[in-house]
């Protein structure tokens, strides 16, 4: 994968993460704290966390092919690093002040992570299907 393609993936992941967080927080605030509005600092904080989350995706980048097992290990390491980093940052800036708040944040991070992984999986699946179609067409041309 070229660096420009990887940069586009990081930007796409950032936007997916940011949108997912905004949607989740909006729904949760409507249920539990309907009078609480988003302030500009909250939006910037969410943007920062989203960017940090997208940038940690560099752990998954490799210029060479890796085995499926090695990629799974990278995904687990990425998830653990992301959880640790974001919860530590949240407690450092005062967003998380209790264990229950940290656990709720960990759950929210996990939900967003699953959403991003599922969307990435669907994209990869479509790309693999497109490549397979090209290979079939190339084989067909060789046979004729």
N, C-alpha and C. Protein backbone atom coordinates (compact mmCIF):
# COMPACT_ATOMS: atom_id res chain seq x y z
N UNK A 1 0.85 -1.18 0.00
CA UNK A 1 0.00 0.00 0.00
C UNK A 1 0.89 1.24 0.00
N UNK A 2 0.56 2.17 -0.85
CA UNK A 2 1.34 3.40 -0.94
C UNK A 2 1.05 4.28 0.27
N UNK A 3 2.00 5.17 0.55
CA UNK A 3 1.82 6.08 1.69
C UNK A 3 0.61 6.98 1.51
N UNK A 4 0.35 7.42 0.29
CA UNK A 4 -0.80 8.30 0.05
C UNK A 4 -2.11 7.55 0.32
N UNK A 5 -2.17 6.28 -0.06
CA UNK A 5 -3.35 5.47 0.22
C UNK A 5 -3.49 5.27 1.73
N UNK A 6 -2.37 5.04 2.40
CA UNK A 6 -2.42 4.86 3.84
C UNK A 6 -2.85 6.14 4.55
N UNK A 7 -2.38 7.29 4.05
CA UNK A 7 -2.79 8.58 4.63
C UNK A 7 -4.30 8.77 4.45
N UNK A 8 -4.82 8.38 3.28
CA UNK A 8 -6.28 8.46 3.07
C UNK A 8 -7.03 7.56 4.05
N UNK A 9 -6.47 6.37 4.31
CA UNK A 9 -7.11 5.47 5.27
C UNK A 9 -7.11 6.07 6.67
N UNK A 10 -6.02 6.72 7.06
CA UNK A 10 -5.97 7.36 8.38
C UNK A 10 -7.02 8.46 8.47
N UNK A 11 -7.15 9.26 7.43
CA UNK A 11 -8.15 10.33 7.42
C UNK A 11 -9.56 9.73 7.46
N UNK A 12 -9.78 8.67 6.70
CA UNK A 12 -11.10 8.00 6.69
C UNK A 12 -11.40 7.46 8.08
N UNK A 13 -10.41 6.79 8.71
CA UNK A 13 -10.60 6.26 10.06
C UNK A 13 -10.89 7.38 11.05
N UNK A 14 -10.16 8.50 10.93
CA UNK A 14 -10.40 9.65 11.80
C UNK A 14 -11.85 10.10 11.70
N UNK A 15 -12.34 10.24 10.48
CA UNK A 15 -13.72 10.71 10.28
C UNK A 15 -14.74 9.70 10.80
N UNK A 16 -14.48 8.41 10.58
CA UNK A 16 -15.39 7.38 11.10
C UNK A 16 -15.39 7.39 12.61
N UNK A 17 -14.21 7.47 13.21
CA UNK A 17 -14.11 7.49 14.68
C UNK A 17 -14.81 8.73 15.23
N UNK A 18 -14.54 9.89 14.65
CA UNK A 18 -15.14 11.13 15.12
C UNK A 18 -16.67 11.06 15.02
N UNK A 19 -17.17 10.63 13.88
CA UNK A 19 -18.62 10.54 13.69
C UNK A 19 -19.24 9.54 14.66
N UNK A 20 -18.59 8.40 14.86
CA UNK A 20 -19.12 7.39 15.78
C UNK A 20 -19.18 7.91 17.20
N UNK A 21 -18.13 8.59 17.63
CA UNK A 21 -18.12 9.15 18.99
C UNK A 21 -19.22 10.18 19.15
N UNK A 22 -19.35 11.07 18.20
CA UNK A 22 -20.39 12.11 18.28
C UNK A 22 -21.77 11.47 18.35
N UNK A 23 -22.02 10.47 17.52
CA UNK A 23 -23.33 9.80 17.52
C UNK A 23 -23.58 9.10 18.85
N UNK A 24 -22.59 8.36 19.35
CA UNK A 24 -22.75 7.65 20.62
C UNK A 24 -22.98 8.62 21.76
N UNK A 25 -22.18 9.67 21.83
CA UNK A 25 -22.34 10.64 22.92
C UNK A 25 -23.68 11.37 22.81
N UNK A 26 -24.09 11.70 21.61
CA UNK A 26 -25.37 12.38 21.42
C UNK A 26 -26.52 11.50 21.92
N UNK A 27 -26.51 10.23 21.55
CA UNK A 27 -27.56 9.32 21.99
C UNK A 27 -27.54 9.15 23.50
N UNK A 28 -26.34 8.94 24.05
CA UNK A 28 -26.25 8.76 25.51
C UNK A 28 -26.67 10.02 26.27
N UNK A 29 -26.30 11.19 25.74
CA UNK A 29 -26.70 12.44 26.41
C UNK A 29 -28.20 12.65 26.32
N UNK A 30 -28.80 12.27 25.22
CA UNK A 30 -30.26 12.40 25.10
C UNK A 30 -30.98 11.51 26.11
N UNK A 31 -30.39 10.36 26.39
CA UNK A 31 -31.00 9.43 27.33
C UNK A 31 -30.74 9.84 28.78
N UNK A 32 -29.48 10.12 29.10
CA UNK A 32 -29.09 10.32 30.50
C UNK A 32 -28.96 11.77 30.93
N UNK A 33 -28.59 12.68 30.03
CA UNK A 33 -28.41 14.09 30.38
C UNK A 33 -28.93 14.98 29.25
N UNK A 34 -30.24 15.03 29.05
CA UNK A 34 -30.78 15.76 27.90
C UNK A 34 -30.52 17.27 27.93
N UNK A 35 -30.24 17.82 29.07
CA UNK A 35 -30.01 19.27 29.16
C UNK A 35 -28.56 19.66 28.88
N UNK A 36 -27.67 18.69 28.81
CA UNK A 36 -26.25 18.97 28.61
C UNK A 36 -25.96 19.14 27.12
N UNK A 37 -25.38 20.27 26.76
CA UNK A 37 -25.07 20.55 25.36
C UNK A 37 -23.57 20.37 25.10
N UNK A 38 -23.22 20.22 23.82
CA UNK A 38 -21.81 20.15 23.44
C UNK A 38 -21.22 21.55 23.47
N UNK A 39 -20.06 21.68 24.09
CA UNK A 39 -19.35 22.94 23.99
C UNK A 39 -18.16 22.75 23.06
N UNK A 40 -17.55 23.83 22.68
CA UNK A 40 -16.46 23.78 21.71
C UNK A 40 -15.27 22.98 22.23
N UNK A 41 -14.99 23.09 23.51
CA UNK A 41 -13.88 22.33 24.10
C UNK A 41 -14.14 20.83 23.97
N UNK A 42 -15.38 20.41 24.18
CA UNK A 42 -15.73 18.99 24.04
C UNK A 42 -15.50 18.51 22.61
N UNK A 43 -15.88 19.31 21.64
CA UNK A 43 -15.70 18.94 20.24
C UNK A 43 -14.21 18.80 19.93
N UNK A 44 -13.40 19.77 20.39
CA UNK A 44 -11.95 19.69 20.15
C UNK A 44 -11.34 18.48 20.86
N UNK A 45 -11.80 18.17 22.05
CA UNK A 45 -11.31 17.01 22.78
C UNK A 45 -11.63 15.73 22.01
N UNK A 46 -12.86 15.63 21.52
CA UNK A 46 -13.26 14.47 20.74
C UNK A 46 -12.44 14.38 19.46
N UNK A 47 -12.18 15.52 18.83
CA UNK A 47 -11.35 15.53 17.62
C UNK A 47 -9.93 15.03 17.94
N UNK A 48 -9.39 15.48 19.04
CA UNK A 48 -8.05 15.05 19.45
C UNK A 48 -7.99 13.56 19.73
N UNK A 49 -8.98 13.05 20.45
CA UNK A 49 -9.03 11.62 20.74
C UNK A 49 -9.21 10.83 19.45
N UNK A 50 -10.02 11.32 18.54
CA UNK A 50 -10.23 10.64 17.25
C UNK A 50 -8.94 10.60 16.44
N UNK A 51 -8.23 11.72 16.42
CA UNK A 51 -6.98 11.77 15.69
C UNK A 51 -5.95 10.83 16.30
N UNK A 52 -5.87 10.83 17.61
CA UNK A 52 -4.94 9.92 18.30
C UNK A 52 -5.31 8.47 17.99
N UNK A 53 -6.59 8.17 18.01
CA UNK A 53 -7.04 6.82 17.69
C UNK A 53 -6.70 6.42 16.27
N UNK A 54 -6.88 7.34 15.34
CA UNK A 54 -6.56 7.05 13.93
C UNK A 54 -5.05 6.90 13.73
N UNK A 55 -4.27 7.72 14.40
CA UNK A 55 -2.81 7.65 14.25
C UNK A 55 -2.21 6.38 14.85
N UNK A 56 -2.84 5.86 15.90
CA UNK A 56 -2.32 4.61 16.46
C UNK A 56 -2.53 3.45 15.49
N UNK A 57 -3.33 3.67 14.46
CA UNK A 57 -3.52 2.66 13.43
C UNK A 57 -2.26 2.35 12.66
N UNK A 58 -1.23 3.19 12.83
CA UNK A 58 0.04 2.93 12.16
C UNK A 58 0.66 1.61 12.61
N UNK A 59 0.26 1.12 13.76
CA UNK A 59 0.73 -0.18 14.24
C UNK A 59 0.32 -1.27 13.24
N UNK A 60 -0.83 -1.07 12.61
CA UNK A 60 -1.34 -2.08 11.69
C UNK A 60 -0.72 -2.00 10.31
N UNK A 61 -0.03 -0.89 10.02
CA UNK A 61 0.56 -0.71 8.69
C UNK A 61 1.84 -1.51 8.56
N UNK A 62 1.98 -2.19 7.45
CA UNK A 62 3.21 -2.90 7.14
C UNK A 62 3.42 -2.86 5.64
N UNK A 63 4.61 -2.49 5.20
CA UNK A 63 4.85 -2.44 3.76
C UNK A 63 4.94 -3.84 3.13
N UNK A 64 5.23 -4.84 3.95
CA UNK A 64 5.35 -6.21 3.47
C UNK A 64 4.15 -7.02 3.92
N UNK A 65 3.93 -8.14 3.25
CA UNK A 65 2.85 -9.03 3.64
C UNK A 65 3.17 -9.66 4.99
N UNK A 66 2.15 -9.81 5.81
CA UNK A 66 2.30 -10.50 7.09
C UNK A 66 1.26 -11.61 7.15
N UNK A 67 1.52 -12.58 8.00
CA UNK A 67 0.58 -13.69 8.13
C UNK A 67 -0.69 -13.21 8.83
N UNK A 68 -1.73 -14.01 8.70
CA UNK A 68 -3.00 -13.66 9.34
C UNK A 68 -2.84 -13.63 10.86
N UNK A 69 -2.06 -14.57 11.37
CA UNK A 69 -1.82 -14.62 12.82
C UNK A 69 -1.09 -13.36 13.29
N UNK A 70 -0.07 -12.95 12.55
CA UNK A 70 0.69 -11.75 12.91
C UNK A 70 -0.21 -10.51 12.87
N UNK A 71 -1.12 -10.46 11.90
CA UNK A 71 -2.03 -9.31 11.81
C UNK A 71 -3.01 -9.32 12.99
N UNK A 72 -3.46 -10.49 13.38
CA UNK A 72 -4.36 -10.57 14.54
C UNK A 72 -3.65 -10.11 15.81
N UNK A 73 -2.39 -10.49 15.95
CA UNK A 73 -1.61 -10.04 17.11
C UNK A 73 -1.49 -8.52 17.08
N UNK A 74 -1.23 -7.95 15.90
CA UNK A 74 -1.14 -6.49 15.77
C UNK A 74 -2.46 -5.82 16.14
N UNK A 75 -3.56 -6.42 15.74
CA UNK A 75 -4.88 -5.85 16.05
C UNK A 75 -5.12 -5.85 17.56
N UNK A 76 -4.77 -6.95 18.22
CA UNK A 76 -4.94 -7.02 19.68
C UNK A 76 -4.04 -5.99 20.36
N UNK A 77 -2.78 -5.91 19.94
CA UNK A 77 -1.86 -4.91 20.51
C UNK A 77 -2.37 -3.50 20.27
N UNK A 78 -2.88 -3.25 19.08
CA UNK A 78 -3.42 -1.94 18.75
C UNK A 78 -4.58 -1.59 19.67
N UNK A 79 -5.49 -2.53 19.88
CA UNK A 79 -6.65 -2.29 20.74
C UNK A 79 -6.22 -2.01 22.18
N UNK A 80 -5.29 -2.82 22.70
CA UNK A 80 -4.82 -2.63 24.08
C UNK A 80 -4.11 -1.27 24.22
N UNK A 81 -3.25 -0.94 23.26
CA UNK A 81 -2.56 0.34 23.29
C UNK A 81 -3.55 1.50 23.22
N UNK A 82 -4.53 1.37 22.34
CA UNK A 82 -5.53 2.42 22.18
C UNK A 82 -6.32 2.63 23.46
N UNK A 83 -6.80 1.54 24.05
CA UNK A 83 -7.55 1.64 25.32
C UNK A 83 -6.69 2.31 26.39
N UNK A 84 -5.46 1.84 26.55
CA UNK A 84 -4.57 2.36 27.58
C UNK A 84 -4.27 3.84 27.36
N UNK A 85 -3.91 4.17 26.15
CA UNK A 85 -3.54 5.54 25.81
C UNK A 85 -4.71 6.51 26.01
N UNK A 86 -5.87 6.15 25.50
CA UNK A 86 -7.02 7.06 25.58
C UNK A 86 -7.54 7.21 27.01
N UNK A 87 -7.56 6.12 27.76
CA UNK A 87 -8.02 6.22 29.15
C UNK A 87 -7.01 7.01 29.98
N UNK A 88 -5.72 6.79 29.76
CA UNK A 88 -4.69 7.56 30.47
C UNK A 88 -4.80 9.04 30.14
N UNK A 89 -4.97 9.36 28.87
CA UNK A 89 -5.11 10.75 28.46
C UNK A 89 -6.38 11.37 29.05
N UNK A 90 -7.46 10.62 29.04
CA UNK A 90 -8.72 11.12 29.59
C UNK A 90 -8.60 11.38 31.09
N UNK A 91 -7.92 10.52 31.81
CA UNK A 91 -7.75 10.75 33.25
C UNK A 91 -6.78 11.90 33.50
N UNK A 92 -5.80 12.05 32.62
CA UNK A 92 -4.83 13.14 32.75
C UNK A 92 -5.48 14.51 32.58
N UNK A 93 -6.38 14.63 31.60
CA UNK A 93 -7.03 15.93 31.37
C UNK A 93 -8.31 16.10 32.17
N UNK A 94 -8.66 15.10 32.98
CA UNK A 94 -9.79 15.24 33.88
C UNK A 94 -11.12 14.83 33.32
N UNK A 95 -11.16 14.20 32.17
CA UNK A 95 -12.42 13.73 31.59
C UNK A 95 -12.94 12.54 32.37
N UNK A 96 -12.03 11.71 32.85
CA UNK A 96 -12.37 10.52 33.63
C UNK A 96 -11.89 10.75 35.06
N UNK A 97 -12.84 10.67 36.01
CA UNK A 97 -12.47 10.95 37.39
C UNK A 97 -12.72 9.77 38.32
N UNK A 98 -13.35 8.70 37.81
CA UNK A 98 -13.64 7.55 38.66
C UNK A 98 -13.44 6.26 37.87
N UNK A 99 -13.44 5.16 38.59
CA UNK A 99 -13.28 3.86 37.95
C UNK A 99 -14.47 3.56 37.05
N UNK A 100 -15.68 3.89 37.50
CA UNK A 100 -16.86 3.64 36.68
C UNK A 100 -16.82 4.47 35.39
N UNK A 101 -16.33 5.69 35.47
CA UNK A 101 -16.20 6.53 34.27
C UNK A 101 -15.16 5.96 33.34
N UNK A 102 -14.07 5.42 33.89
CA UNK A 102 -13.03 4.80 33.06
C UNK A 102 -13.56 3.54 32.38
N UNK A 103 -14.35 2.76 33.10
CA UNK A 103 -14.95 1.56 32.50
C UNK A 103 -15.94 1.92 31.41
N UNK A 104 -16.72 2.97 31.62
CA UNK A 104 -17.65 3.43 30.59
C UNK A 104 -16.90 3.92 29.36
N UNK A 105 -15.82 4.65 29.58
CA UNK A 105 -15.00 5.11 28.46
C UNK A 105 -14.38 3.91 27.72
N UNK A 106 -13.91 2.92 28.46
CA UNK A 106 -13.34 1.72 27.84
C UNK A 106 -14.39 1.01 26.98
N UNK A 107 -15.61 0.95 27.47
CA UNK A 107 -16.69 0.34 26.69
C UNK A 107 -16.98 1.15 25.43
N UNK A 108 -17.01 2.46 25.55
CA UNK A 108 -17.25 3.31 24.39
C UNK A 108 -16.13 3.17 23.35
N UNK A 109 -14.89 3.10 23.82
CA UNK A 109 -13.76 2.91 22.91
C UNK A 109 -13.90 1.57 22.19
N UNK A 110 -14.29 0.54 22.92
CA UNK A 110 -14.46 -0.79 22.32
C UNK A 110 -15.55 -0.78 21.25
N UNK A 111 -16.65 -0.09 21.52
CA UNK A 111 -17.75 -0.03 20.54
C UNK A 111 -17.28 0.70 19.28
N UNK A 112 -16.62 1.82 19.45
CA UNK A 112 -16.12 2.57 18.28
C UNK A 112 -15.09 1.72 17.54
N UNK A 113 -14.24 1.02 18.27
CA UNK A 113 -13.22 0.17 17.64
C UNK A 113 -13.87 -0.91 16.78
N UNK A 114 -14.91 -1.54 17.32
CA UNK A 114 -15.61 -2.58 16.56
C UNK A 114 -16.26 -1.99 15.30
N UNK A 115 -16.85 -0.82 15.41
CA UNK A 115 -17.46 -0.17 14.25
C UNK A 115 -16.41 0.09 13.17
N UNK A 116 -15.29 0.65 13.56
CA UNK A 116 -14.22 0.94 12.59
C UNK A 116 -13.69 -0.34 11.97
N UNK A 117 -13.46 -1.38 12.78
CA UNK A 117 -12.95 -2.65 12.24
C UNK A 117 -13.94 -3.28 11.27
N UNK A 118 -15.24 -3.23 11.60
CA UNK A 118 -16.25 -3.80 10.70
C UNK A 118 -16.30 -3.05 9.37
N UNK A 119 -16.23 -1.73 9.44
CA UNK A 119 -16.24 -0.95 8.21
C UNK A 119 -14.98 -1.22 7.38
N UNK A 120 -13.85 -1.36 8.03
CA UNK A 120 -12.60 -1.68 7.33
C UNK A 120 -12.69 -3.07 6.71
N UNK A 121 -13.28 -4.01 7.42
CA UNK A 121 -13.44 -5.36 6.91
C UNK A 121 -14.31 -5.37 5.66
N UNK A 122 -15.40 -4.63 5.69
CA UNK A 122 -16.29 -4.56 4.52
C UNK A 122 -15.56 -3.95 3.33
N UNK A 123 -14.78 -2.91 3.58
CA UNK A 123 -14.02 -2.28 2.49
C UNK A 123 -13.01 -3.26 1.91
N UNK A 124 -12.29 -3.97 2.77
CA UNK A 124 -11.31 -4.95 2.32
C UNK A 124 -11.98 -6.09 1.55
N UNK A 125 -13.14 -6.50 2.01
CA UNK A 125 -13.87 -7.57 1.35
C UNK A 125 -14.29 -7.16 -0.06
N UNK A 126 -14.76 -5.93 -0.22
CA UNK A 126 -15.13 -5.42 -1.54
C UNK A 126 -13.91 -5.32 -2.46
N UNK A 127 -12.80 -4.86 -1.90
CA UNK A 127 -11.57 -4.74 -2.69
C UNK A 127 -11.08 -6.12 -3.13
N UNK A 128 -11.16 -7.11 -2.26
CA UNK A 128 -10.75 -8.47 -2.61
C UNK A 128 -11.65 -9.03 -3.71
N UNK A 129 -12.94 -8.76 -3.63
CA UNK A 129 -13.85 -9.23 -4.68
C UNK A 129 -13.52 -8.57 -6.02
N UNK A 130 -13.20 -7.30 -5.99
CA UNK A 130 -12.85 -6.58 -7.22
C UNK A 130 -11.56 -7.15 -7.82
N UNK A 131 -10.58 -7.44 -6.99
CA UNK A 131 -9.32 -8.03 -7.46
C UNK A 131 -9.58 -9.42 -8.05
N UNK A 132 -10.41 -10.21 -7.38
CA UNK A 132 -10.73 -11.54 -7.90
C UNK A 132 -11.42 -11.46 -9.26
N UNK A 133 -12.29 -10.48 -9.44
CA UNK A 133 -12.95 -10.30 -10.73
C UNK A 133 -11.94 -9.97 -11.82
N UNK A 134 -10.99 -9.11 -11.50
CA UNK A 134 -9.93 -8.77 -12.46
C UNK A 134 -9.09 -9.99 -12.82
N UNK A 135 -8.78 -10.81 -11.81
CA UNK A 135 -8.00 -12.02 -12.07
C UNK A 135 -8.77 -13.00 -12.96
N UNK A 136 -10.07 -13.14 -12.71
CA UNK A 136 -10.89 -14.01 -13.55
C UNK A 136 -10.91 -13.51 -14.98
N UNK A 137 -11.05 -12.20 -15.15
CA UNK A 137 -11.07 -11.62 -16.50
C UNK A 137 -9.73 -11.83 -17.19
N UNK A 138 -8.63 -11.68 -16.45
CA UNK A 138 -7.31 -11.88 -17.04
C UNK A 138 -7.11 -13.34 -17.43
N UNK A 139 -7.56 -14.26 -16.62
CA UNK A 139 -7.45 -15.69 -16.95
C UNK A 139 -8.28 -16.02 -18.18
N UNK A 140 -9.45 -15.43 -18.25
CA UNK A 140 -10.35 -15.64 -19.39
C UNK A 140 -9.68 -15.17 -20.69
N UNK A 141 -9.01 -14.03 -20.62
CA UNK A 141 -8.33 -13.49 -21.79
C UNK A 141 -7.18 -14.39 -22.23
N UNK A 142 -6.47 -14.97 -21.25
CA UNK A 142 -5.34 -15.84 -21.56
C UNK A 142 -5.85 -17.13 -22.23
N UNK A 143 -6.98 -17.66 -21.79
CA UNK A 143 -7.55 -18.88 -22.34
C UNK A 143 -8.03 -18.67 -23.77
N UNK A 144 -8.46 -17.50 -24.08
CA UNK A 144 -8.99 -17.21 -25.42
C UNK A 144 -7.93 -16.89 -26.36
